[in-house]
């Protein structure tokens, strides 16, 4: 169960993250994503495998007919105009 932490509690300098990697991993699993900076710039985020699974879970495929109906094509006006082209003298 995640605990309340301030935004700064989940930001690590690279050297600190390396020295306390076990804690970074524990916090990623218990408290949420842990951000690692390099030279003051955001570089990577350590997340739990459960969080990764949520982020990368593919959407279930829809049956073809349901997919086509979801496109909203019924709102398109596809009627053809009366234009028959131009008259050409032969």
Protein backbone atom coordinates (compact mmCIF):
# COMPACT_ATOMS: atom_id res chain seq x y z
CA UNK A 1 0.00 0.00 0.00
CA UNK A 2 1.56 3.35 -1.05
CA UNK A 3 2.37 5.84 1.67
CA UNK A 4 2.12 9.61 1.45
CA UNK A 5 5.43 11.22 0.48
CA UNK A 6 6.35 14.66 -0.73
CA UNK A 7 7.38 15.21 -4.34
CA UNK A 8 11.03 15.61 -3.33
CA UNK A 9 11.06 12.23 -1.57
CA UNK A 10 10.93 10.43 -4.90
CA UNK A 11 13.75 12.34 -6.64
CA UNK A 12 17.27 10.92 -6.42
CA UNK A 13 20.64 12.15 -7.65
CA UNK A 14 22.32 9.38 -9.63
CA UNK A 15 25.11 8.92 -7.09
CA UNK A 16 22.58 8.62 -4.25
CA UNK A 17 20.43 6.19 -6.21
CA UNK A 18 23.49 4.02 -6.90
CA UNK A 19 24.56 4.04 -3.26
CA UNK A 20 21.04 3.30 -1.97
CA UNK A 21 19.66 1.23 -4.84
CA UNK A 22 17.87 -1.23 -2.55
CA UNK A 23 15.95 1.67 -1.02
CA UNK A 24 15.11 3.09 -4.45
CA UNK A 25 13.69 -0.30 -5.46
CA UNK A 26 11.76 -0.69 -2.21
CA UNK A 27 10.24 2.76 -2.58
CA UNK A 28 9.37 2.15 -6.23
CA UNK A 29 7.46 -0.95 -5.16
CA UNK A 30 5.77 0.59 -2.11
CA UNK A 31 5.45 4.31 -2.81
CA UNK A 32 5.44 4.69 -6.58
CA UNK A 33 7.82 5.87 -9.31
CA UNK A 34 11.27 7.08 -8.24
CA UNK A 35 12.92 9.71 -10.43
CA UNK A 36 16.70 9.72 -10.95
CA UNK A 37 18.50 12.84 -12.13
CA UNK A 38 21.87 13.22 -13.83
CA UNK A 39 23.56 16.60 -13.46
CA UNK A 40 20.27 18.06 -12.23
CA UNK A 41 18.27 16.90 -15.25
CA UNK A 42 15.56 14.21 -15.17
CA UNK A 43 17.07 11.05 -16.60
CA UNK A 44 15.17 7.87 -15.70
CA UNK A 45 12.28 6.66 -13.58
CA UNK A 46 12.38 3.42 -11.57
CA UNK A 47 8.94 1.77 -11.39
CA UNK A 48 7.60 -1.53 -10.12
CA UNK A 49 6.84 -4.36 -12.51
CA UNK A 50 3.16 -4.02 -11.61
CA UNK A 51 3.20 -0.36 -12.68
CA UNK A 52 4.99 -1.28 -15.91
CA UNK A 53 2.38 -3.96 -16.63
CA UNK A 54 -0.40 -1.36 -16.22
CA UNK A 55 1.34 1.06 -18.56
CA UNK A 56 2.13 -1.48 -21.28
CA UNK A 57 -1.00 -3.64 -21.15
CA UNK A 58 -2.39 -3.84 -24.68
CA UNK A 59 -6.03 -3.00 -25.20
CA UNK A 60 -8.12 -6.04 -26.01
CA UNK A 61 -8.80 -6.33 -29.72
CA UNK A 62 -12.32 -5.49 -30.83
CA UNK A 63 -14.19 -7.66 -33.30
CA UNK A 64 -13.96 -6.17 -36.81
CA UNK A 65 -17.60 -5.04 -36.99
CA UNK A 66 -17.38 -3.35 -33.57
CA UNK A 67 -14.14 -1.63 -34.63
CA UNK A 68 -15.72 -0.31 -37.85
CA UNK A 69 -18.79 0.92 -35.96
CA UNK A 70 -16.54 2.73 -33.45
CA UNK A 71 -14.98 4.85 -36.21
CA UNK A 72 -18.10 6.99 -36.51
CA UNK A 73 -18.30 6.58 -40.28
CA UNK A 74 -22.10 6.88 -40.13
CA UNK A 75 -21.63 10.64 -39.66
CA UNK A 76 -19.81 11.05 -42.99
CA UNK A 77 -21.73 12.36 -45.98
CA UNK A 78 -20.65 10.12 -48.85
CA UNK A 79 -23.43 10.98 -51.32
CA UNK A 80 -22.19 11.73 -54.80
CA UNK A 81 -22.93 15.04 -56.44
CA UNK A 82 -24.68 15.36 -59.83
CA UNK A 83 -21.53 16.65 -61.53
CA UNK A 84 -21.02 14.58 -64.68
CA UNK A 85 -17.76 16.20 -65.70
CA UNK A 86 -17.28 18.57 -68.61
CA UNK A 87 -18.51 18.42 -72.17
CA UNK A 88 -15.76 17.56 -74.63
CA UNK A 89 -15.96 18.22 -78.36
CA UNK A 90 -14.60 15.42 -80.48
